Amino acid sequence: MLELAILGLLKEQELHGYELKKRLTDALGAFSSVSFGSLYPALARLEAAGAVRAVTVEPAEPVLPAPVVPMTGSIAGEAAAFRARRSTARPARPSRTRKVYALTERGSQLFEELLEADSTSVDDDRAFNLKLAFCRYLPPERRLGLFEQRRALLVERLARARTNHRSRKERMDLYTQSLVDHGTETTEADISWLDRLIALERKGGQPS
């Protein structure tokens, strides 16, 4: 899933490691705990596979503004002021190079393969949410299939939960009952949400 997320974000724009980690954290809740220790090995694997290329970028050196030196009215004073301005207009600190990662043609192909791959992604909430985040890159029939598979799974999950609930209801305390009810309501809400997405796909529309 991490490779799919990286490729999807790089498909949108080139990013360096810190920006990529921040996007994974901010945009994809499923990867909120991703660390540099897992990100950079994944980038190295993708680079070795020819899916990602890294370019070293030299950032512009920050320059401190020259201080405002009052006019002295004398040649010696003006010369001293000029030397002061020159001596302070230097980089604040040595700048560091950084790698910017970009998607290659092979990376675009791999991204499409991972996104369209038939797998158990609809059974895994995190994997489904990740695929949904990049759903705009899927052809309409694959998006519809993904939503319908997910809906069928949730309907089965809901039926199983209701059956278990009936058999255990008498042994549940108030708090356990409340937790089960919350799970049931959440699944029902997800099914209704998928129904709306499926209806939009069948009409050829896009969610607003």
N, C-alpha and C. Protein backbone atom coordinates (compact mmCIF):
# COMPACT_ATOMS: atom_id res chain seq x y z
N MET A 1 0.82 -1.21 0.00
CA MET A 1 0.00 0.00 0.00
C MET A 1 0.85 1.26 0.00
N LEU A 2 2.01 1.20 0.66
CA LEU A 2 2.87 2.39 0.73
C LEU A 2 3.38 2.76 -0.66
N GLU A 3 3.78 1.75 -1.44
CA GLU A 3 4.26 2.03 -2.80
C GLU A 3 3.15 2.67 -3.65
N LEU A 4 1.92 2.17 -3.52
CA LEU A 4 0.81 2.74 -4.27
C LEU A 4 0.59 4.20 -3.87
N ALA A 5 0.66 4.49 -2.58
CA ALA A 5 0.46 5.86 -2.11
C ALA A 5 1.56 6.78 -2.63
N ILE A 6 2.80 6.32 -2.60
CA ILE A 6 3.92 7.13 -3.09
C ILE A 6 3.75 7.43 -4.57
N LEU A 7 3.46 6.41 -5.36
CA LEU A 7 3.30 6.59 -6.79
C LEU A 7 2.14 7.53 -7.10
N GLY A 8 1.05 7.39 -6.34
CA GLY A 8 -0.11 8.25 -6.58
C GLY A 8 0.19 9.71 -6.29
N LEU A 9 0.92 9.98 -5.22
CA LEU A 9 1.26 11.37 -4.89
C LEU A 9 2.26 11.95 -5.87
N LEU A 10 3.22 11.13 -6.32
CA LEU A 10 4.19 11.61 -7.30
C LEU A 10 3.57 11.79 -8.68
N LYS A 11 2.47 11.11 -8.93
CA LYS A 11 1.77 11.31 -10.19
C LYS A 11 1.18 12.72 -10.26
N GLU A 12 0.86 13.27 -9.10
CA GLU A 12 0.29 14.61 -9.04
C GLU A 12 1.36 15.69 -9.18
N GLN A 13 2.53 15.47 -8.57
CA GLN A 13 3.62 16.43 -8.68
C GLN A 13 4.90 15.85 -8.11
N GLU A 14 6.05 16.42 -8.51
CA GLU A 14 7.33 16.00 -7.96
C GLU A 14 7.44 16.49 -6.52
N LEU A 15 8.03 15.66 -5.66
CA LEU A 15 8.12 15.99 -4.23
C LEU A 15 9.46 15.52 -3.68
N HIS A 16 9.98 16.24 -2.68
CA HIS A 16 11.13 15.70 -1.97
C HIS A 16 10.63 14.92 -0.76
N GLY A 17 11.55 14.24 -0.10
CA GLY A 17 11.16 13.29 0.94
C GLY A 17 10.30 13.88 2.04
N TYR A 18 10.67 15.06 2.52
CA TYR A 18 9.90 15.65 3.61
C TYR A 18 8.49 15.99 3.15
N GLU A 19 8.37 16.58 1.95
CA GLU A 19 7.04 16.93 1.43
C GLU A 19 6.20 15.68 1.23
N LEU A 20 6.85 14.62 0.73
CA LEU A 20 6.13 13.37 0.49
C LEU A 20 5.61 12.79 1.79
N LYS A 21 6.44 12.79 2.83
CA LYS A 21 6.00 12.28 4.13
C LYS A 21 4.84 13.12 4.67
N LYS A 22 4.93 14.43 4.51
CA LYS A 22 3.87 15.31 4.99
C LYS A 22 2.57 15.05 4.25
N ARG A 23 2.64 14.85 2.93
CA ARG A 23 1.42 14.54 2.16
C ARG A 23 0.81 13.23 2.61
N LEU A 24 1.65 12.22 2.86
CA LEU A 24 1.15 10.94 3.33
C LEU A 24 0.46 11.09 4.68
N THR A 25 1.02 11.94 5.53
CA THR A 25 0.45 12.16 6.86
C THR A 25 -0.82 12.98 6.80
N ASP A 26 -0.81 14.06 6.00
CA ASP A 26 -1.95 14.97 5.95
C ASP A 26 -3.12 14.44 5.13
N ALA A 27 -2.80 13.88 3.97
CA ALA A 27 -3.86 13.50 3.04
C ALA A 27 -4.37 12.09 3.24
N LEU A 28 -3.53 11.18 3.75
CA LEU A 28 -3.91 9.78 3.86
C LEU A 28 -3.85 9.34 5.31
N GLY A 29 -4.97 9.35 5.97
CA GLY A 29 -5.01 8.94 7.37
C GLY A 29 -4.47 7.55 7.59
N ALA A 30 -4.65 6.67 6.60
CA ALA A 30 -4.16 5.30 6.74
C ALA A 30 -2.65 5.25 6.91
N PHE A 31 -1.95 6.29 6.45
CA PHE A 31 -0.50 6.31 6.52
C PHE A 31 0.00 7.40 7.46
N SER A 32 -0.81 7.78 8.43
CA SER A 32 -0.43 8.87 9.33
C SER A 32 0.79 8.52 10.17
N SER A 33 1.09 7.23 10.31
CA SER A 33 2.23 6.84 11.12
C SER A 33 3.46 6.49 10.28
N VAL A 34 3.44 6.78 8.98
CA VAL A 34 4.57 6.45 8.13
C VAL A 34 5.79 7.24 8.59
N SER A 35 6.94 6.58 8.62
CA SER A 35 8.17 7.20 9.09
C SER A 35 9.17 7.26 7.95
N PHE A 36 10.22 8.07 8.15
CA PHE A 36 11.28 8.12 7.15
C PHE A 36 11.95 6.76 7.03
N GLY A 37 11.94 6.00 8.13
CA GLY A 37 12.54 4.67 8.11
C GLY A 37 11.84 3.69 7.19
N SER A 38 10.57 3.93 6.90
CA SER A 38 9.84 3.09 5.95
C SER A 38 9.71 3.77 4.60
N LEU A 39 9.68 5.12 4.60
CA LEU A 39 9.49 5.85 3.35
C LEU A 39 10.70 5.73 2.43
N TYR A 40 11.91 5.98 2.95
CA TYR A 40 13.08 5.99 2.08
C TYR A 40 13.44 4.61 1.53
N PRO A 41 13.31 3.52 2.30
CA PRO A 41 13.51 2.21 1.68
C PRO A 41 12.50 1.93 0.56
N ALA A 42 11.25 2.38 0.74
CA ALA A 42 10.25 2.20 -0.31
C ALA A 42 10.62 3.00 -1.54
N LEU A 43 11.10 4.23 -1.35
CA LEU A 43 11.55 5.04 -2.48
C LEU A 43 12.74 4.39 -3.18
N ALA A 44 13.64 3.82 -2.40
CA ALA A 44 14.81 3.15 -2.99
C ALA A 44 14.37 1.95 -3.83
N ARG A 45 13.40 1.19 -3.35
CA ARG A 45 12.90 0.05 -4.11
C ARG A 45 12.27 0.50 -5.42
N LEU A 46 11.47 1.56 -5.34
CA LEU A 46 10.82 2.07 -6.54
C LEU A 46 11.83 2.64 -7.53
N GLU A 47 12.87 3.28 -6.99
CA GLU A 47 13.92 3.83 -7.87
C GLU A 47 14.68 2.70 -8.55
N ALA A 48 14.99 1.64 -7.80
CA ALA A 48 15.69 0.49 -8.37
C ALA A 48 14.86 -0.20 -9.44
N ALA A 49 13.54 -0.15 -9.30
CA ALA A 49 12.63 -0.76 -10.28
C ALA A 49 12.39 0.14 -11.48
N GLY A 50 12.96 1.34 -11.45
CA GLY A 50 12.77 2.26 -12.57
C GLY A 50 11.45 2.99 -12.54
N ALA A 51 10.75 2.94 -11.41
CA ALA A 51 9.45 3.59 -11.31
C ALA A 51 9.55 5.04 -10.85
N VAL A 52 10.65 5.35 -10.20
CA VAL A 52 10.86 6.69 -9.65
C VAL A 52 12.29 7.12 -9.97
N ARG A 53 12.47 8.39 -10.28
CA ARG A 53 13.82 8.93 -10.45
C ARG A 53 14.03 10.06 -9.45
N ALA A 54 15.24 10.14 -8.94
CA ALA A 54 15.58 11.17 -7.97
C ALA A 54 16.54 12.17 -8.60
N VAL A 55 16.25 13.42 -8.43
CA VAL A 55 17.08 14.50 -8.96
C VAL A 55 17.57 15.34 -7.79
N THR A 56 18.88 15.61 -7.76
CA THR A 56 19.44 16.45 -6.71
C THR A 56 19.26 17.91 -7.08
N VAL A 57 18.68 18.65 -6.17
CA VAL A 57 18.38 20.07 -6.42
C VAL A 57 19.21 20.92 -5.48
N GLU A 58 19.81 21.95 -6.04
CA GLU A 58 20.55 22.91 -5.23
C GLU A 58 19.62 24.07 -4.88
N PRO A 59 19.20 24.20 -3.64
CA PRO A 59 18.31 25.30 -3.28
C PRO A 59 19.01 26.64 -3.34
N ALA A 60 18.24 27.67 -3.58
CA ALA A 60 18.80 29.02 -3.60
C ALA A 60 19.32 29.37 -2.21
N GLU A 61 20.48 30.02 -2.17
CA GLU A 61 21.08 30.36 -0.89
C GLU A 61 20.37 31.56 -0.29
N PRO A 62 19.94 31.44 0.98
CA PRO A 62 19.32 32.60 1.62
C PRO A 62 20.35 33.69 1.88
N VAL A 63 19.98 34.91 1.65
CA VAL A 63 20.88 36.03 1.85
C VAL A 63 20.28 36.96 2.89
N LEU A 64 21.10 37.33 3.87
CA LEU A 64 20.64 38.27 4.88
C LEU A 64 20.54 39.67 4.28
N PRO A 65 19.51 40.40 4.60
CA PRO A 65 19.42 41.78 4.10
C PRO A 65 20.52 42.64 4.71
N ALA A 66 21.06 43.56 3.91
CA ALA A 66 22.09 44.45 4.42
C ALA A 66 21.48 45.43 5.40
N PRO A 67 22.17 45.71 6.49
CA PRO A 67 21.63 46.65 7.46
C PRO A 67 21.59 48.07 6.90
N VAL A 68 20.66 48.83 7.38
CA VAL A 68 20.57 50.23 6.97
C VAL A 68 21.59 51.03 7.77
N VAL A 69 22.56 51.61 7.05
CA VAL A 69 23.63 52.38 7.71
C VAL A 69 23.36 53.86 7.47
N PRO A 70 23.25 54.66 8.51
CA PRO A 70 22.95 56.08 8.31
C PRO A 70 24.07 56.78 7.57
N MET A 71 23.72 57.82 6.80
CA MET A 71 24.68 58.63 6.07
C MET A 71 25.53 59.40 7.07
N THR A 72 26.85 59.42 6.83
CA THR A 72 27.75 60.08 7.77
C THR A 72 28.17 61.47 7.31
N GLY A 73 28.09 61.71 6.02
CA GLY A 73 28.51 63.02 5.51
C GLY A 73 29.99 63.12 5.25
N SER A 74 30.74 62.01 5.42
CA SER A 74 32.18 62.04 5.16
C SER A 74 32.54 60.89 4.24
N ILE A 75 33.62 61.04 3.47
CA ILE A 75 34.05 60.00 2.53
C ILE A 75 34.44 58.74 3.30
N ALA A 76 35.17 58.91 4.39
CA ALA A 76 35.60 57.75 5.18
C ALA A 76 34.39 57.01 5.75
N GLY A 77 33.39 57.77 6.22
CA GLY A 77 32.19 57.14 6.77
C GLY A 77 31.39 56.39 5.72
N GLU A 78 31.28 57.00 4.51
CA GLU A 78 30.55 56.33 3.44
C GLU A 78 31.26 55.04 3.01
N ALA A 79 32.57 55.07 2.97
CA ALA A 79 33.34 53.88 2.60
C ALA A 79 33.14 52.77 3.63
N ALA A 80 33.12 53.16 4.90
CA ALA A 80 32.89 52.16 5.96
C ALA A 80 31.50 51.56 5.85
N ALA A 81 30.51 52.40 5.53
CA ALA A 81 29.14 51.91 5.38
C ALA A 81 29.03 50.94 4.21
N PHE A 82 29.71 51.25 3.10
CA PHE A 82 29.69 50.38 1.92
C PHE A 82 30.30 49.02 2.24
N ARG A 83 31.45 49.04 2.97
CA ARG A 83 32.09 47.77 3.34
C ARG A 83 31.20 46.95 4.27
N ALA A 84 30.49 47.63 5.15
CA ALA A 84 29.59 46.93 6.07
C ALA A 84 28.46 46.24 5.32
N ARG A 85 27.91 46.94 4.32
CA ARG A 85 26.82 46.34 3.53
C ARG A 85 27.31 45.13 2.76
N ARG A 86 28.50 45.20 2.19
CA ARG A 86 29.05 44.07 1.43
C ARG A 86 29.34 42.88 2.32
N SER A 87 29.89 43.15 3.50
CA SER A 87 30.29 42.05 4.39
C SER A 87 29.10 41.30 4.97
N THR A 88 27.95 41.96 5.10
CA THR A 88 26.78 41.30 5.69
C THR A 88 25.88 40.67 4.66
N ALA A 89 26.03 40.98 3.39
CA ALA A 89 25.18 40.40 2.33
C ALA A 89 25.73 39.06 1.90
N ARG A 90 25.84 38.14 2.83
CA ARG A 90 26.35 36.80 2.58
C ARG A 90 25.31 35.77 3.02
N PRO A 91 25.42 34.54 2.54
CA PRO A 91 24.47 33.50 2.97
C PRO A 91 24.43 33.38 4.48
N ALA A 92 23.22 33.21 5.00
CA ALA A 92 23.06 33.07 6.46
C ALA A 92 23.74 31.80 6.96
N ARG A 93 23.68 30.72 6.16
CA ARG A 93 24.29 29.46 6.54
C ARG A 93 24.45 28.63 5.27
N PRO A 94 25.36 27.66 5.27
CA PRO A 94 25.50 26.82 4.08
C PRO A 94 24.20 26.10 3.76
N SER A 95 23.81 26.15 2.50
CA SER A 95 22.58 25.48 2.08
C SER A 95 22.83 24.00 1.84
N ARG A 96 21.76 23.20 1.96
CA ARG A 96 21.88 21.76 1.78
C ARG A 96 21.18 21.34 0.51
N THR A 97 21.79 20.41 -0.21
CA THR A 97 21.13 19.86 -1.38
C THR A 97 20.04 18.89 -0.92
N ARG A 98 19.09 18.64 -1.78
CA ARG A 98 18.02 17.71 -1.45
C ARG A 98 17.59 16.98 -2.70
N LYS A 99 17.02 15.81 -2.50
CA LYS A 99 16.53 15.01 -3.61
C LYS A 99 15.06 15.28 -3.85
N VAL A 100 14.73 15.47 -5.10
CA VAL A 100 13.33 15.59 -5.50
C VAL A 100 12.97 14.34 -6.30
N TYR A 101 11.87 13.71 -5.94
CA TYR A 101 11.47 12.46 -6.57
C TYR A 101 10.37 12.73 -7.60
N ALA A 102 10.50 12.06 -8.73
CA ALA A 102 9.53 12.22 -9.82
C ALA A 102 9.14 10.85 -10.35
N LEU A 103 7.96 10.77 -10.90
CA LEU A 103 7.45 9.52 -11.47
C LEU A 103 7.98 9.34 -12.89
N THR A 104 8.39 8.13 -13.22
CA THR A 104 8.81 7.80 -14.58
C THR A 104 7.65 7.19 -15.35
N GLU A 105 7.88 6.92 -16.62
CA GLU A 105 6.84 6.26 -17.42
C GLU A 105 6.53 4.88 -16.85
N ARG A 106 7.58 4.17 -16.42
CA ARG A 106 7.37 2.86 -15.80
C ARG A 106 6.59 3.01 -14.50
N GLY A 107 6.86 4.09 -13.76
CA GLY A 107 6.13 4.34 -12.52
C GLY A 107 4.66 4.57 -12.76
N SER A 108 4.32 5.29 -13.83
CA SER A 108 2.91 5.50 -14.17
C SER A 108 2.23 4.18 -14.49
N GLN A 109 2.94 3.31 -15.20
CA GLN A 109 2.38 2.00 -15.53
C GLN A 109 2.18 1.17 -14.27
N LEU A 110 3.18 1.19 -13.39
CA LEU A 110 3.09 0.42 -12.15
C LEU A 110 1.96 0.94 -11.27
N PHE A 111 1.80 2.25 -11.22
CA PHE A 111 0.71 2.84 -10.44
C PHE A 111 -0.64 2.33 -10.94
N GLU A 112 -0.84 2.33 -12.26
CA GLU A 112 -2.10 1.86 -12.82
C GLU A 112 -2.31 0.38 -12.52
N GLU A 113 -1.23 -0.41 -12.60
CA GLU A 113 -1.34 -1.85 -12.31
C GLU A 113 -1.75 -2.09 -10.86
N LEU A 114 -1.11 -1.36 -9.93
CA LEU A 114 -1.43 -1.53 -8.51
C LEU A 114 -2.84 -1.05 -8.21
N LEU A 115 -3.25 0.04 -8.84
CA LEU A 115 -4.56 0.61 -8.57
C LEU A 115 -5.67 -0.29 -9.10
N GLU A 116 -5.44 -0.92 -10.26
CA GLU A 116 -6.48 -1.75 -10.89
C GLU A 116 -6.40 -3.21 -10.49
N ALA A 117 -5.37 -3.57 -9.73
CA ALA A 117 -5.17 -4.98 -9.39
C ALA A 117 -6.35 -5.52 -8.60
N ASP A 118 -6.84 -6.69 -8.99
CA ASP A 118 -7.88 -7.38 -8.22
C ASP A 118 -7.22 -8.00 -6.99
N SER A 119 -7.67 -7.60 -5.84
CA SER A 119 -7.08 -8.11 -4.60
C SER A 119 -8.14 -8.07 -3.52
N THR A 120 -7.72 -8.23 -2.29
CA THR A 120 -8.65 -8.18 -1.17
C THR A 120 -8.79 -6.76 -0.65
N SER A 121 -8.52 -5.75 -1.51
CA SER A 121 -8.51 -4.37 -1.05
C SER A 121 -9.86 -3.94 -0.47
N VAL A 122 -10.96 -4.49 -1.00
CA VAL A 122 -12.26 -4.09 -0.48
C VAL A 122 -12.50 -4.66 0.91
N ASP A 123 -11.73 -5.69 1.30
CA ASP A 123 -11.87 -6.27 2.63
C ASP A 123 -11.08 -5.50 3.68
N ASP A 124 -10.14 -4.71 3.24
CA ASP A 124 -9.27 -3.94 4.13
C ASP A 124 -9.69 -2.48 4.07
N ASP A 125 -10.15 -1.95 5.19
CA ASP A 125 -10.66 -0.58 5.20
C ASP A 125 -9.59 0.42 4.76
N ARG A 126 -8.36 0.24 5.22
CA ARG A 126 -7.29 1.18 4.87
C ARG A 126 -6.95 1.10 3.38
N ALA A 127 -6.87 -0.12 2.85
CA ALA A 127 -6.54 -0.29 1.44
C ALA A 127 -7.64 0.28 0.55
N PHE A 128 -8.90 0.07 0.95
CA PHE A 128 -10.00 0.62 0.16
C PHE A 128 -9.96 2.15 0.16
N ASN A 129 -9.73 2.74 1.33
CA ASN A 129 -9.67 4.20 1.42
C ASN A 129 -8.54 4.76 0.57
N LEU A 130 -7.42 4.04 0.52
CA LEU A 130 -6.30 4.48 -0.30
C LEU A 130 -6.66 4.45 -1.78
N LYS A 131 -7.27 3.35 -2.21
CA LYS A 131 -7.67 3.27 -3.62
C LYS A 131 -8.71 4.33 -3.95
N LEU A 132 -9.58 4.62 -3.00
CA LEU A 132 -10.60 5.64 -3.22
C LEU A 132 -9.95 7.02 -3.41
N ALA A 133 -8.85 7.28 -2.70
CA ALA A 133 -8.17 8.57 -2.81
C ALA A 133 -7.65 8.81 -4.22
N PHE A 134 -7.35 7.74 -4.96
CA PHE A 134 -6.83 7.87 -6.33
C PHE A 134 -7.82 7.34 -7.36
N CYS A 135 -9.08 7.28 -6.97
CA CYS A 135 -10.09 6.66 -7.83
C CYS A 135 -10.27 7.40 -9.16
N ARG A 136 -9.94 8.69 -9.18
CA ARG A 136 -10.12 9.47 -10.41
C ARG A 136 -9.25 8.95 -11.55
N TYR A 137 -8.21 8.17 -11.21
CA TYR A 137 -7.33 7.62 -12.24
C TYR A 137 -7.83 6.28 -12.78
N LEU A 138 -8.88 5.74 -12.19
CA LEU A 138 -9.45 4.48 -12.66
C LEU A 138 -10.45 4.74 -13.77
N PRO A 139 -10.57 3.83 -14.73
CA PRO A 139 -11.64 3.96 -15.72
C PRO A 139 -13.00 3.77 -15.03
N PRO A 140 -14.06 4.35 -15.58
CA PRO A 140 -15.37 4.32 -14.92
C PRO A 140 -15.85 2.92 -14.52
N GLU A 141 -15.63 1.94 -15.40
CA GLU A 141 -16.13 0.60 -15.08
C GLU A 141 -15.38 -0.02 -13.90
N ARG A 142 -14.10 0.33 -13.75
CA ARG A 142 -13.34 -0.20 -12.61
C ARG A 142 -13.75 0.51 -11.33
N ARG A 143 -14.04 1.80 -11.40
CA ARG A 143 -14.53 2.50 -10.21
C ARG A 143 -15.84 1.90 -9.75
N LEU A 144 -16.75 1.69 -10.70
CA LEU A 144 -18.04 1.12 -10.36
C LEU A 144 -17.88 -0.26 -9.73
N GLY A 145 -17.00 -1.07 -10.32
CA GLY A 145 -16.76 -2.41 -9.78
C GLY A 145 -16.21 -2.36 -8.37
N LEU A 146 -15.30 -1.42 -8.11
CA LEU A 146 -14.72 -1.27 -6.78
C LEU A 146 -15.79 -0.91 -5.76
N PHE A 147 -16.66 0.03 -6.12
CA PHE A 147 -17.73 0.45 -5.19
C PHE A 147 -18.71 -0.68 -4.94
N GLU A 148 -19.07 -1.41 -5.99
CA GLU A 148 -20.04 -2.50 -5.83
C GLU A 148 -19.47 -3.64 -4.98
N GLN A 149 -18.19 -3.95 -5.18
CA GLN A 149 -17.55 -4.98 -4.36
C GLN A 149 -17.53 -4.57 -2.90
N ARG A 150 -17.18 -3.30 -2.67
CA ARG A 150 -17.12 -2.80 -1.29
C ARG A 150 -18.51 -2.83 -0.65
N ARG A 151 -19.52 -2.45 -1.40
CA ARG A 151 -20.89 -2.46 -0.87
C ARG A 151 -21.32 -3.88 -0.50
N ALA A 152 -21.04 -4.85 -1.37
CA ALA A 152 -21.41 -6.23 -1.10
C ALA A 152 -20.73 -6.73 0.17
N LEU A 153 -19.46 -6.34 0.35
CA LEU A 153 -18.74 -6.74 1.56
C LEU A 153 -19.40 -6.15 2.81
N LEU A 154 -19.77 -4.86 2.75
CA LEU A 154 -20.37 -4.22 3.92
C LEU A 154 -21.75 -4.79 4.23
N VAL A 155 -22.52 -5.13 3.20
CA VAL A 155 -23.83 -5.75 3.43
C VAL A 155 -23.66 -7.08 4.15
N GLU A 156 -22.67 -7.86 3.72
CA GLU A 156 -22.39 -9.14 4.37
C GLU A 156 -21.91 -8.92 5.81
N ARG A 157 -21.06 -7.91 5.99
CA ARG A 157 -20.55 -7.59 7.33
C ARG A 157 -21.70 -7.17 8.26
N LEU A 158 -22.64 -6.38 7.73
CA LEU A 158 -23.77 -5.92 8.52
C LEU A 158 -24.68 -7.08 8.92
N ALA A 159 -24.95 -7.98 7.98
CA ALA A 159 -25.80 -9.14 8.27
C ALA A 159 -25.17 -10.03 9.34
N ARG A 160 -23.86 -10.21 9.23
CA ARG A 160 -23.15 -11.04 10.22
C ARG A 160 -23.19 -10.39 11.60
N ALA A 161 -23.01 -9.06 11.63
CA ALA A 161 -23.03 -8.35 12.92
C ALA A 161 -24.41 -8.43 13.57
N ARG A 162 -25.47 -8.32 12.77
CA ARG A 162 -26.82 -8.41 13.33
C ARG A 162 -27.12 -9.79 13.87
N THR A 163 -26.65 -10.81 13.17
CA THR A 163 -26.85 -12.18 13.64
C THR A 163 -26.13 -12.41 14.97
N ASN A 164 -24.88 -11.96 15.04
CA ASN A 164 -24.12 -12.11 16.28
C ASN A 164 -24.75 -11.31 17.42
N HIS A 165 -25.30 -10.15 17.05
CA HIS A 165 -25.92 -9.29 18.06
C HIS A 165 -27.14 -9.99 18.69
N ARG A 166 -27.96 -10.59 17.87
CA ARG A 166 -29.16 -11.26 18.39
C ARG A 166 -28.80 -12.41 19.31
N SER A 167 -27.72 -13.12 18.97
CA SER A 167 -27.36 -14.29 19.78
C SER A 167 -26.67 -13.90 21.09
N ARG A 168 -26.12 -12.68 21.16
CA ARG A 168 -25.37 -12.27 22.36
C ARG A 168 -26.04 -11.15 23.13
N LYS A 169 -27.18 -10.68 22.65
CA LYS A 169 -27.79 -9.47 23.21
C LYS A 169 -28.03 -9.58 24.72
N GLU A 170 -28.51 -10.72 25.17
CA GLU A 170 -28.84 -10.87 26.58
C GLU A 170 -27.62 -10.83 27.48
N ARG A 171 -26.44 -11.11 26.94
CA ARG A 171 -25.22 -11.13 27.75
C ARG A 171 -24.46 -9.80 27.69
N MET A 172 -24.99 -8.83 26.95
CA MET A 172 -24.31 -7.55 26.79
C MET A 172 -24.72 -6.55 27.86
N ASP A 173 -23.75 -5.78 28.35
CA ASP A 173 -24.09 -4.68 29.22
C ASP A 173 -24.39 -3.44 28.37
N LEU A 174 -24.73 -2.35 29.02
CA LEU A 174 -25.12 -1.14 28.32
C LEU A 174 -24.04 -0.62 27.38
N TYR A 175 -22.78 -0.68 27.82
CA TYR A 175 -21.69 -0.09 27.05
C TYR A 175 -21.32 -0.95 25.84
N THR A 176 -21.32 -2.26 26.04
CA THR A 176 -21.07 -3.15 24.91
C THR A 176 -22.17 -3.02 23.88
N GLN A 177 -23.42 -2.92 24.34
CA GLN A 177 -24.56 -2.73 23.45
C GLN A 177 -24.40 -1.43 22.65
N SER A 178 -23.97 -0.37 23.33
CA SER A 178 -23.77 0.91 22.66
C SER A 178 -22.69 0.83 21.59
N LEU A 179 -21.61 0.10 21.88
CA LEU A 179 -20.52 -0.07 20.92
C LEU A 179 -20.99 -0.84 19.69
N VAL A 180 -21.75 -1.90 19.91
CA VAL A 180 -22.27 -2.68 18.79
C VAL A 180 -23.21 -1.84 17.94
N ASP A 181 -24.07 -1.07 18.59
CA ASP A 181 -25.00 -0.20 17.86
C ASP A 181 -24.24 0.83 17.02
N HIS A 182 -23.17 1.37 17.59
CA HIS A 182 -22.37 2.35 16.85
C HIS A 182 -21.75 1.73 15.59
N GLY A 183 -21.22 0.51 15.75
CA GLY A 183 -20.64 -0.18 14.60
C GLY A 183 -21.67 -0.45 13.52
N THR A 184 -22.88 -0.86 13.94
CA THR A 184 -23.95 -1.12 12.98
C THR A 184 -24.36 0.15 12.26
N GLU A 185 -24.51 1.24 13.00
CA GLU A 185 -24.91 2.50 12.39
C GLU A 185 -23.85 3.01 11.41
N THR A 186 -22.58 2.81 11.77
CA THR A 186 -21.49 3.24 10.89
C THR A 186 -21.50 2.45 9.59
N THR A 187 -21.70 1.14 9.68
CA THR A 187 -21.76 0.31 8.48
C THR A 187 -22.95 0.69 7.61
N GLU A 188 -24.10 0.93 8.23
CA GLU A 188 -25.27 1.35 7.47
C GLU A 188 -25.03 2.68 6.75
N ALA A 189 -24.36 3.61 7.44
CA ALA A 189 -24.04 4.91 6.83
C ALA A 189 -23.09 4.73 5.65
N ASP A 190 -22.12 3.83 5.78
CA ASP A 190 -21.17 3.58 4.70
C ASP A 190 -21.88 2.97 3.48
N ILE A 191 -22.84 2.10 3.73
CA ILE A 191 -23.59 1.51 2.62
C ILE A 191 -24.39 2.58 1.89
N SER A 192 -25.01 3.47 2.63
CA SER A 192 -25.77 4.57 2.02
C SER A 192 -24.85 5.48 1.21
N TRP A 193 -23.69 5.75 1.75
CA TRP A 193 -22.70 6.58 1.04
C TRP A 193 -22.27 5.92 -0.26
N LEU A 194 -22.01 4.60 -0.22
CA LEU A 194 -21.64 3.88 -1.43
C LEU A 194 -22.77 3.85 -2.44
N ASP A 195 -24.00 3.75 -1.95
CA ASP A 195 -25.14 3.79 -2.86
C ASP A 195 -25.15 5.09 -3.67
N ARG A 196 -24.81 6.20 -3.00
CA ARG A 196 -24.77 7.48 -3.71
C ARG A 196 -23.63 7.53 -4.73
N LEU A 197 -22.48 6.98 -4.35
CA LEU A 197 -21.36 6.95 -5.28
C LEU A 197 -21.67 6.07 -6.50
N ILE A 198 -22.30 4.93 -6.25
CA ILE A 198 -22.66 4.01 -7.33
C ILE A 198 -23.65 4.68 -8.27
N ALA A 199 -24.64 5.38 -7.70
CA ALA A 199 -25.63 6.07 -8.53
C ALA A 199 -24.96 7.14 -9.39
N LEU A 200 -24.01 7.86 -8.82
CA LEU A 200 -23.29 8.89 -9.58
C LEU A 200 -22.49 8.27 -10.71
N GLU A 201 -21.81 7.15 -10.44
CA GLU A 201 -21.01 6.50 -11.47
C GLU A 201 -21.89 6.01 -12.62
N ARG A 202 -23.06 5.48 -12.28
CA ARG A 202 -23.95 4.98 -13.33
C ARG A 202 -24.51 6.11 -14.18
N LYS A 203 -24.58 7.31 -13.58
CA LYS A 203 -25.05 8.47 -14.35
C LYS A 203 -23.90 9.19 -15.06
N GLY A 204 -22.68 8.70 -14.81
CA GLY A 204 -21.53 9.33 -15.44
C GLY A 204 -21.12 10.62 -14.79
N GLY A 205 -21.50 10.84 -13.52
CA GLY A 205 -21.17 12.07 -12.83
C GLY A 205 -19.98 11.92 -11.93
N GLN A 206 -19.66 13.03 -11.25
CA GLN A 206 -18.56 13.06 -10.28
C GLN A 206 -19.10 13.56 -8.96
N PRO A 207 -18.65 12.99 -7.83
CA PRO A 207 -19.10 13.49 -6.54
C PRO A 207 -18.65 14.93 -6.34
N SER A 208 -19.53 15.74 -5.73
CA SER A 208 -19.19 17.14 -5.53
C SER A 208 -18.40 17.32 -4.25
